[in-house]
N, C-alpha and C. Protein backbone atom coordinates (compact mmCIF):
# COMPACT_ATOMS: atom_id res chain seq x y z
N MET A 1 -36.34 -24.02 -24.63
CA MET A 1 -36.23 -23.94 -23.20
C MET A 1 -35.83 -22.54 -22.79
N VAL A 2 -36.46 -22.06 -21.76
CA VAL A 2 -36.21 -20.69 -21.34
C VAL A 2 -34.82 -20.52 -20.73
N PHE A 3 -34.45 -21.39 -19.81
CA PHE A 3 -33.19 -21.25 -19.08
C PHE A 3 -32.09 -22.15 -19.61
N GLY A 4 -32.32 -22.85 -20.68
CA GLY A 4 -31.35 -23.81 -21.16
C GLY A 4 -31.67 -25.18 -20.59
N ASP A 5 -30.82 -26.15 -20.88
CA ASP A 5 -31.06 -27.52 -20.45
C ASP A 5 -30.11 -27.87 -19.32
N PHE A 6 -30.60 -27.75 -18.08
CA PHE A 6 -29.76 -28.08 -16.93
C PHE A 6 -29.39 -29.56 -16.95
N GLY A 7 -30.19 -30.40 -17.61
CA GLY A 7 -29.89 -31.82 -17.71
C GLY A 7 -28.61 -32.10 -18.48
N GLU A 8 -28.18 -31.17 -19.31
CA GLU A 8 -26.92 -31.35 -20.05
C GLU A 8 -25.70 -31.10 -19.17
N LEU A 9 -25.90 -30.42 -18.03
CA LEU A 9 -24.79 -30.12 -17.14
C LEU A 9 -24.51 -31.31 -16.22
N PRO A 10 -23.27 -31.48 -15.80
CA PRO A 10 -22.98 -32.48 -14.77
C PRO A 10 -23.79 -32.15 -13.51
N PRO A 11 -24.25 -33.16 -12.77
CA PRO A 11 -25.09 -32.90 -11.59
C PRO A 11 -24.53 -31.86 -10.63
N ALA A 12 -23.24 -31.85 -10.42
CA ALA A 12 -22.65 -30.89 -9.47
C ALA A 12 -22.75 -29.45 -9.95
N GLU A 13 -23.00 -29.26 -11.24
CA GLU A 13 -23.07 -27.90 -11.80
C GLU A 13 -24.50 -27.41 -12.01
N ARG A 14 -25.49 -28.19 -11.63
CA ARG A 14 -26.90 -27.82 -11.81
C ARG A 14 -27.35 -26.94 -10.66
N ASN A 15 -26.95 -25.70 -10.74
CA ASN A 15 -27.21 -24.77 -9.65
C ASN A 15 -27.32 -23.37 -10.24
N LEU A 16 -28.41 -22.70 -9.96
CA LEU A 16 -28.65 -21.39 -10.56
C LEU A 16 -27.61 -20.36 -10.14
N ILE A 17 -27.18 -20.39 -8.89
CA ILE A 17 -26.19 -19.40 -8.45
C ILE A 17 -24.86 -19.62 -9.18
N ARG A 18 -24.52 -20.85 -9.51
CA ARG A 18 -23.33 -21.10 -10.32
C ARG A 18 -23.50 -20.46 -11.70
N GLU A 19 -24.70 -20.56 -12.25
CA GLU A 19 -24.96 -19.94 -13.54
C GLU A 19 -24.78 -18.42 -13.48
N TYR A 20 -25.31 -17.81 -12.43
CA TYR A 20 -25.17 -16.36 -12.29
C TYR A 20 -23.71 -15.93 -12.32
N PHE A 21 -22.86 -16.64 -11.61
CA PHE A 21 -21.50 -16.17 -11.42
C PHE A 21 -20.45 -16.82 -12.31
N LEU A 22 -20.71 -18.01 -12.83
CA LEU A 22 -19.68 -18.70 -13.60
C LEU A 22 -19.99 -18.82 -15.09
N ASN A 23 -21.20 -18.49 -15.49
CA ASN A 23 -21.53 -18.51 -16.91
C ASN A 23 -21.44 -17.08 -17.44
N PRO A 24 -20.48 -16.81 -18.31
CA PRO A 24 -20.30 -15.43 -18.78
C PRO A 24 -21.52 -14.85 -19.52
N ARG A 25 -22.40 -15.70 -20.02
CA ARG A 25 -23.60 -15.22 -20.72
C ARG A 25 -24.68 -14.70 -19.77
N SER A 26 -24.56 -15.02 -18.49
CA SER A 26 -25.60 -14.64 -17.52
C SER A 26 -25.83 -13.14 -17.45
N LYS A 27 -24.78 -12.36 -17.55
CA LYS A 27 -24.93 -10.91 -17.42
C LYS A 27 -25.74 -10.33 -18.57
N ASP A 28 -25.76 -11.00 -19.71
CA ASP A 28 -26.60 -10.55 -20.83
C ASP A 28 -28.01 -11.15 -20.72
N PHE A 29 -28.10 -12.38 -20.23
CA PHE A 29 -29.37 -13.09 -20.17
C PHE A 29 -30.32 -12.46 -19.16
N TYR A 30 -29.82 -12.12 -17.98
CA TYR A 30 -30.64 -11.51 -16.93
C TYR A 30 -30.52 -10.00 -17.04
N GLN A 31 -31.61 -9.33 -17.38
CA GLN A 31 -31.55 -7.89 -17.58
C GLN A 31 -31.06 -7.16 -16.34
N ASP A 32 -31.52 -7.59 -15.18
CA ASP A 32 -31.07 -6.98 -13.93
C ASP A 32 -30.18 -7.99 -13.20
N TRP A 33 -29.09 -8.36 -13.88
CA TRP A 33 -28.21 -9.40 -13.36
C TRP A 33 -27.71 -9.07 -11.97
N GLU A 34 -27.28 -7.85 -11.72
CA GLU A 34 -26.68 -7.52 -10.42
C GLU A 34 -27.67 -7.74 -9.28
N ARG A 35 -28.91 -7.29 -9.44
CA ARG A 35 -29.91 -7.49 -8.38
C ARG A 35 -30.18 -8.97 -8.18
N ALA A 36 -30.35 -9.70 -9.28
CA ALA A 36 -30.63 -11.13 -9.19
C ALA A 36 -29.46 -11.87 -8.54
N ALA A 37 -28.26 -11.52 -8.91
CA ALA A 37 -27.07 -12.18 -8.36
C ALA A 37 -26.91 -11.84 -6.87
N LYS A 38 -27.11 -10.59 -6.51
CA LYS A 38 -27.02 -10.21 -5.09
C LYS A 38 -28.09 -10.91 -4.28
N ASP A 39 -29.30 -11.01 -4.81
CA ASP A 39 -30.38 -11.73 -4.11
C ASP A 39 -29.99 -13.19 -3.90
N SER A 40 -29.36 -13.79 -4.90
CA SER A 40 -28.99 -15.20 -4.77
C SER A 40 -27.90 -15.39 -3.71
N VAL A 41 -27.00 -14.42 -3.59
CA VAL A 41 -25.96 -14.49 -2.56
C VAL A 41 -26.60 -14.38 -1.18
N ALA A 42 -27.53 -13.45 -1.03
CA ALA A 42 -28.21 -13.28 0.27
C ALA A 42 -29.01 -14.52 0.63
N HIS A 43 -29.62 -15.15 -0.36
CA HIS A 43 -30.36 -16.39 -0.12
C HIS A 43 -29.40 -17.52 0.27
N LEU A 44 -28.27 -17.60 -0.42
CA LEU A 44 -27.28 -18.63 -0.11
C LEU A 44 -26.70 -18.41 1.29
N ARG A 45 -26.53 -17.16 1.67
CA ARG A 45 -26.03 -16.84 3.02
C ARG A 45 -27.00 -17.38 4.07
N LYS A 46 -28.30 -17.23 3.83
CA LYS A 46 -29.32 -17.75 4.75
C LYS A 46 -29.24 -19.28 4.81
N ALA A 47 -29.15 -19.90 3.65
CA ALA A 47 -29.07 -21.36 3.60
C ALA A 47 -27.81 -21.86 4.30
N SER A 48 -26.71 -21.15 4.16
CA SER A 48 -25.47 -21.60 4.79
C SER A 48 -25.55 -21.52 6.31
N ALA A 49 -26.37 -20.60 6.83
CA ALA A 49 -26.58 -20.54 8.29
C ALA A 49 -27.46 -21.71 8.75
N GLU A 50 -28.46 -22.04 7.95
CA GLU A 50 -29.37 -23.13 8.30
C GLU A 50 -28.72 -24.50 8.17
N TYR A 51 -27.80 -24.63 7.23
CA TYR A 51 -27.15 -25.91 6.95
C TYR A 51 -25.64 -25.75 7.07
N ALA A 52 -25.20 -25.26 8.21
CA ALA A 52 -23.79 -24.94 8.43
C ALA A 52 -22.87 -26.16 8.30
N ASP A 53 -23.38 -27.35 8.51
CA ASP A 53 -22.55 -28.55 8.45
C ASP A 53 -22.59 -29.25 7.09
N ASP A 54 -23.20 -28.63 6.10
CA ASP A 54 -23.34 -29.25 4.78
C ASP A 54 -22.05 -29.05 3.99
N PRO A 55 -21.30 -30.12 3.73
CA PRO A 55 -20.02 -29.97 3.03
C PRO A 55 -20.18 -29.51 1.57
N GLU A 56 -21.26 -29.94 0.90
CA GLU A 56 -21.46 -29.51 -0.49
C GLU A 56 -21.74 -28.01 -0.58
N LEU A 57 -22.48 -27.51 0.38
CA LEU A 57 -22.75 -26.07 0.43
C LEU A 57 -21.46 -25.30 0.68
N ALA A 58 -20.65 -25.79 1.60
CA ALA A 58 -19.36 -25.15 1.88
C ALA A 58 -18.46 -25.18 0.64
N GLU A 59 -18.48 -26.29 -0.10
CA GLU A 59 -17.69 -26.40 -1.33
C GLU A 59 -18.17 -25.39 -2.38
N LEU A 60 -19.48 -25.24 -2.50
CA LEU A 60 -20.04 -24.28 -3.45
C LEU A 60 -19.59 -22.86 -3.11
N VAL A 61 -19.70 -22.50 -1.85
CA VAL A 61 -19.28 -21.16 -1.43
C VAL A 61 -17.79 -20.95 -1.69
N ALA A 62 -16.99 -21.95 -1.38
CA ALA A 62 -15.55 -21.84 -1.61
C ALA A 62 -15.24 -21.69 -3.10
N GLU A 63 -15.91 -22.47 -3.93
CA GLU A 63 -15.70 -22.40 -5.38
C GLU A 63 -16.07 -21.02 -5.91
N LEU A 64 -17.25 -20.54 -5.53
CA LEU A 64 -17.70 -19.24 -6.04
C LEU A 64 -16.83 -18.11 -5.52
N THR A 65 -16.38 -18.21 -4.27
CA THR A 65 -15.52 -17.17 -3.70
C THR A 65 -14.19 -17.12 -4.45
N THR A 66 -13.69 -18.27 -4.84
CA THR A 66 -12.42 -18.36 -5.56
C THR A 66 -12.55 -17.87 -7.01
N LEU A 67 -13.65 -18.23 -7.66
CA LEU A 67 -13.76 -17.99 -9.09
C LEU A 67 -14.47 -16.68 -9.47
N SER A 68 -15.12 -16.03 -8.52
CA SER A 68 -15.85 -14.81 -8.84
C SER A 68 -15.57 -13.73 -7.80
N SER A 69 -14.92 -12.67 -8.23
CA SER A 69 -14.63 -11.57 -7.30
C SER A 69 -15.92 -10.88 -6.86
N GLU A 70 -16.93 -10.83 -7.75
CA GLU A 70 -18.20 -10.22 -7.36
C GLU A 70 -18.87 -11.04 -6.27
N PHE A 71 -18.90 -12.36 -6.45
CA PHE A 71 -19.48 -13.21 -5.42
C PHE A 71 -18.72 -13.02 -4.11
N ALA A 72 -17.41 -13.04 -4.16
CA ALA A 72 -16.60 -12.92 -2.95
C ALA A 72 -16.90 -11.61 -2.22
N SER A 73 -17.04 -10.53 -2.97
CA SER A 73 -17.32 -9.23 -2.37
C SER A 73 -18.70 -9.22 -1.71
N TRP A 74 -19.70 -9.72 -2.42
CA TRP A 74 -21.06 -9.70 -1.88
C TRP A 74 -21.20 -10.71 -0.74
N TRP A 75 -20.50 -11.83 -0.81
CA TRP A 75 -20.55 -12.81 0.26
C TRP A 75 -19.98 -12.21 1.54
N SER A 76 -18.90 -11.47 1.42
CA SER A 76 -18.27 -10.88 2.61
C SER A 76 -19.13 -9.79 3.25
N ALA A 77 -20.10 -9.25 2.50
CA ALA A 77 -21.01 -8.24 3.06
C ALA A 77 -21.98 -8.86 4.07
N GLN A 78 -22.14 -10.17 4.02
CA GLN A 78 -22.97 -10.93 4.95
C GLN A 78 -24.45 -10.55 4.95
N ASP A 79 -24.97 -10.10 3.83
CA ASP A 79 -26.41 -9.82 3.72
C ASP A 79 -27.17 -11.13 3.72
N VAL A 80 -28.28 -11.15 4.45
CA VAL A 80 -29.15 -12.32 4.52
C VAL A 80 -30.56 -11.86 4.21
N SER A 81 -31.16 -12.45 3.20
CA SER A 81 -32.55 -12.10 2.90
C SER A 81 -33.14 -13.11 1.94
N ILE A 82 -34.43 -13.10 1.90
CA ILE A 82 -35.17 -13.93 0.95
C ILE A 82 -36.20 -13.02 0.28
N ARG A 83 -36.16 -12.98 -1.02
CA ARG A 83 -37.15 -12.20 -1.77
C ARG A 83 -38.20 -13.19 -2.25
N SER A 84 -39.43 -13.01 -1.78
CA SER A 84 -40.47 -13.96 -2.15
C SER A 84 -41.18 -13.60 -3.45
N HIS A 85 -41.05 -12.36 -3.90
CA HIS A 85 -41.63 -11.99 -5.19
C HIS A 85 -40.86 -10.80 -5.76
N CYS A 86 -40.77 -10.78 -7.08
CA CYS A 86 -40.09 -9.69 -7.76
C CYS A 86 -40.31 -9.83 -9.26
N PRO A 87 -40.09 -8.77 -10.00
CA PRO A 87 -40.11 -8.90 -11.46
C PRO A 87 -38.80 -9.53 -11.93
N LYS A 88 -38.86 -10.23 -13.04
CA LYS A 88 -37.65 -10.84 -13.61
C LYS A 88 -37.75 -10.67 -15.12
N ILE A 89 -36.74 -10.03 -15.70
CA ILE A 89 -36.71 -9.84 -17.15
C ILE A 89 -35.50 -10.57 -17.71
N LEU A 90 -35.77 -11.44 -18.68
CA LEU A 90 -34.73 -12.23 -19.32
C LEU A 90 -34.57 -11.78 -20.76
N ASN A 91 -33.34 -11.82 -21.23
CA ASN A 91 -33.04 -11.53 -22.63
C ASN A 91 -32.70 -12.86 -23.30
N HIS A 92 -33.74 -13.55 -23.76
CA HIS A 92 -33.58 -14.88 -24.34
C HIS A 92 -32.95 -14.77 -25.74
N PRO A 93 -32.00 -15.64 -26.07
CA PRO A 93 -31.31 -15.51 -27.35
C PRO A 93 -32.18 -15.67 -28.58
N THR A 94 -33.28 -16.44 -28.49
CA THR A 94 -34.15 -16.59 -29.65
C THR A 94 -35.53 -15.99 -29.45
N ALA A 95 -36.05 -16.00 -28.23
CA ALA A 95 -37.41 -15.51 -27.97
C ALA A 95 -37.45 -14.01 -27.69
N GLY A 96 -36.30 -13.40 -27.47
CA GLY A 96 -36.27 -11.96 -27.16
C GLY A 96 -36.50 -11.71 -25.68
N GLN A 97 -36.96 -10.52 -25.38
CA GLN A 97 -37.15 -10.14 -23.98
C GLN A 97 -38.40 -10.82 -23.41
N LEU A 98 -38.21 -11.45 -22.25
CA LEU A 98 -39.29 -12.14 -21.55
C LEU A 98 -39.44 -11.51 -20.18
N ALA A 99 -40.66 -11.05 -19.86
CA ALA A 99 -40.91 -10.42 -18.56
C ALA A 99 -41.79 -11.34 -17.72
N PHE A 100 -41.36 -11.56 -16.48
CA PHE A 100 -42.07 -12.46 -15.57
C PHE A 100 -42.31 -11.78 -14.23
N SER A 101 -43.31 -12.30 -13.55
CA SER A 101 -43.51 -12.01 -12.15
C SER A 101 -43.10 -13.28 -11.41
N LEU A 102 -42.12 -13.16 -10.55
CA LEU A 102 -41.58 -14.32 -9.85
C LEU A 102 -42.18 -14.40 -8.46
N GLU A 103 -42.58 -15.60 -8.06
CA GLU A 103 -43.10 -15.86 -6.71
C GLU A 103 -42.39 -17.09 -6.16
N SER A 104 -41.87 -16.99 -4.96
CA SER A 104 -41.23 -18.13 -4.29
C SER A 104 -42.04 -18.51 -3.07
N LEU A 105 -42.33 -19.78 -2.94
CA LEU A 105 -43.12 -20.29 -1.84
C LEU A 105 -42.35 -21.39 -1.12
N THR A 106 -42.22 -21.25 0.19
CA THR A 106 -41.62 -22.31 0.99
C THR A 106 -42.68 -23.37 1.23
N LEU A 107 -42.34 -24.62 0.99
CA LEU A 107 -43.31 -25.70 1.13
C LEU A 107 -43.55 -25.98 2.61
N PRO A 108 -44.80 -26.00 3.05
CA PRO A 108 -45.10 -26.11 4.47
C PRO A 108 -44.60 -27.40 5.12
N ASN A 109 -44.62 -28.51 4.41
CA ASN A 109 -44.18 -29.78 4.99
C ASN A 109 -42.70 -30.06 4.77
N ASP A 110 -42.02 -29.14 4.07
CA ASP A 110 -40.59 -29.30 3.82
C ASP A 110 -39.95 -27.92 3.70
N PRO A 111 -39.71 -27.27 4.83
CA PRO A 111 -39.21 -25.89 4.79
C PRO A 111 -37.85 -25.74 4.10
N GLY A 112 -37.16 -26.84 3.82
CA GLY A 112 -35.90 -26.77 3.09
C GLY A 112 -36.09 -26.68 1.59
N GLN A 113 -37.34 -26.81 1.14
CA GLN A 113 -37.64 -26.75 -0.29
C GLN A 113 -38.43 -25.49 -0.61
N THR A 114 -38.10 -24.88 -1.73
CA THR A 114 -38.81 -23.69 -2.18
C THR A 114 -39.29 -23.92 -3.61
N LEU A 115 -40.53 -23.58 -3.86
CA LEU A 115 -41.11 -23.66 -5.19
C LEU A 115 -41.15 -22.24 -5.75
N THR A 116 -40.54 -22.05 -6.92
CA THR A 116 -40.52 -20.74 -7.54
C THR A 116 -41.28 -20.79 -8.85
N THR A 117 -42.23 -19.88 -9.02
CA THR A 117 -42.99 -19.82 -10.26
C THR A 117 -42.65 -18.53 -11.01
N TYR A 118 -42.63 -18.64 -12.31
CA TYR A 118 -42.43 -17.49 -13.18
C TYR A 118 -43.70 -17.34 -14.02
N THR A 119 -44.47 -16.30 -13.75
CA THR A 119 -45.70 -16.06 -14.47
C THR A 119 -45.46 -14.96 -15.50
N PRO A 120 -45.84 -15.19 -16.75
CA PRO A 120 -45.64 -14.13 -17.75
C PRO A 120 -46.29 -12.83 -17.30
N ALA A 121 -45.55 -11.74 -17.43
CA ALA A 121 -46.02 -10.44 -16.95
C ALA A 121 -46.77 -9.64 -18.02
N ASN A 122 -46.76 -10.13 -19.26
CA ASN A 122 -47.44 -9.40 -20.32
C ASN A 122 -47.78 -10.35 -21.47
N PRO A 123 -48.66 -9.93 -22.37
CA PRO A 123 -49.06 -10.80 -23.49
C PRO A 123 -47.90 -11.14 -24.43
N GLN A 124 -46.95 -10.23 -24.60
CA GLN A 124 -45.81 -10.50 -25.48
C GLN A 124 -44.99 -11.69 -24.96
N THR A 125 -44.82 -11.75 -23.64
CA THR A 125 -44.08 -12.86 -23.05
C THR A 125 -44.87 -14.16 -23.21
N GLU A 126 -46.18 -14.10 -23.01
CA GLU A 126 -47.00 -15.30 -23.21
C GLU A 126 -46.85 -15.83 -24.62
N THR A 127 -46.92 -14.96 -25.61
CA THR A 127 -46.79 -15.37 -27.01
C THR A 127 -45.40 -15.93 -27.29
N ALA A 128 -44.38 -15.26 -26.79
CA ALA A 128 -43.00 -15.73 -27.01
C ALA A 128 -42.79 -17.10 -26.38
N LEU A 129 -43.34 -17.33 -25.20
CA LEU A 129 -43.22 -18.63 -24.54
C LEU A 129 -43.95 -19.71 -25.32
N ARG A 130 -45.13 -19.36 -25.80
CA ARG A 130 -45.89 -20.33 -26.60
C ARG A 130 -45.10 -20.71 -27.85
N ASN A 131 -44.51 -19.72 -28.52
CA ASN A 131 -43.71 -19.99 -29.72
C ASN A 131 -42.47 -20.81 -29.38
N LEU A 132 -41.85 -20.52 -28.27
CA LEU A 132 -40.67 -21.27 -27.84
C LEU A 132 -41.03 -22.73 -27.56
N LEU A 133 -42.15 -22.95 -26.89
CA LEU A 133 -42.61 -24.30 -26.59
C LEU A 133 -42.92 -25.06 -27.88
N GLU A 134 -43.60 -24.41 -28.81
CA GLU A 134 -43.92 -25.06 -30.08
C GLU A 134 -42.65 -25.45 -30.83
N THR A 135 -41.66 -24.58 -30.81
CA THR A 135 -40.38 -24.87 -31.47
C THR A 135 -39.71 -26.06 -30.81
N ASP A 136 -39.67 -26.07 -29.49
CA ASP A 136 -39.07 -27.19 -28.75
C ASP A 136 -39.78 -28.50 -29.05
N LEU A 137 -41.12 -28.46 -29.11
CA LEU A 137 -41.88 -29.67 -29.40
C LEU A 137 -41.59 -30.18 -30.81
N ARG A 138 -41.48 -29.28 -31.78
CA ARG A 138 -41.15 -29.69 -33.14
C ARG A 138 -39.77 -30.33 -33.20
N LEU A 139 -38.83 -29.80 -32.45
CA LEU A 139 -37.47 -30.32 -32.47
C LEU A 139 -37.35 -31.69 -31.81
N THR A 140 -38.26 -32.00 -30.89
CA THR A 140 -38.17 -33.28 -30.19
C THR A 140 -38.95 -34.40 -30.87
N ARG A 141 -39.69 -34.06 -31.89
CA ARG A 141 -40.48 -35.10 -32.59
C ARG A 141 -39.66 -35.84 -33.58
């Protein structure tokens, strides 16, 4: 698995922004961790404006503000933005460096949902992903 098994986490912890700020391995896993983390804060800032009455969202912001000084600093900057496409480079512990082109699409019939795709940016990433998938399939048989 590229990002790990979110199914192993308790439901309340299945959140990518929590991974960015509360998982100490994230800074090694995401090659451009700071940009990715700042983008996630700006995205969360937008969501918090759209869903101002959502108690779970407020709890998430409070938790991250308390547990991460970086999150607290970037949250207080009040940047709001959505990046619909960007490069993403991951340093996978077994597959090595994986380069992707990321595209985020807001679903037309459900503007609260976003579909994000990661397309391999080079043949090396395609091969590494294929090998990773084959390994995962062997392990599950």
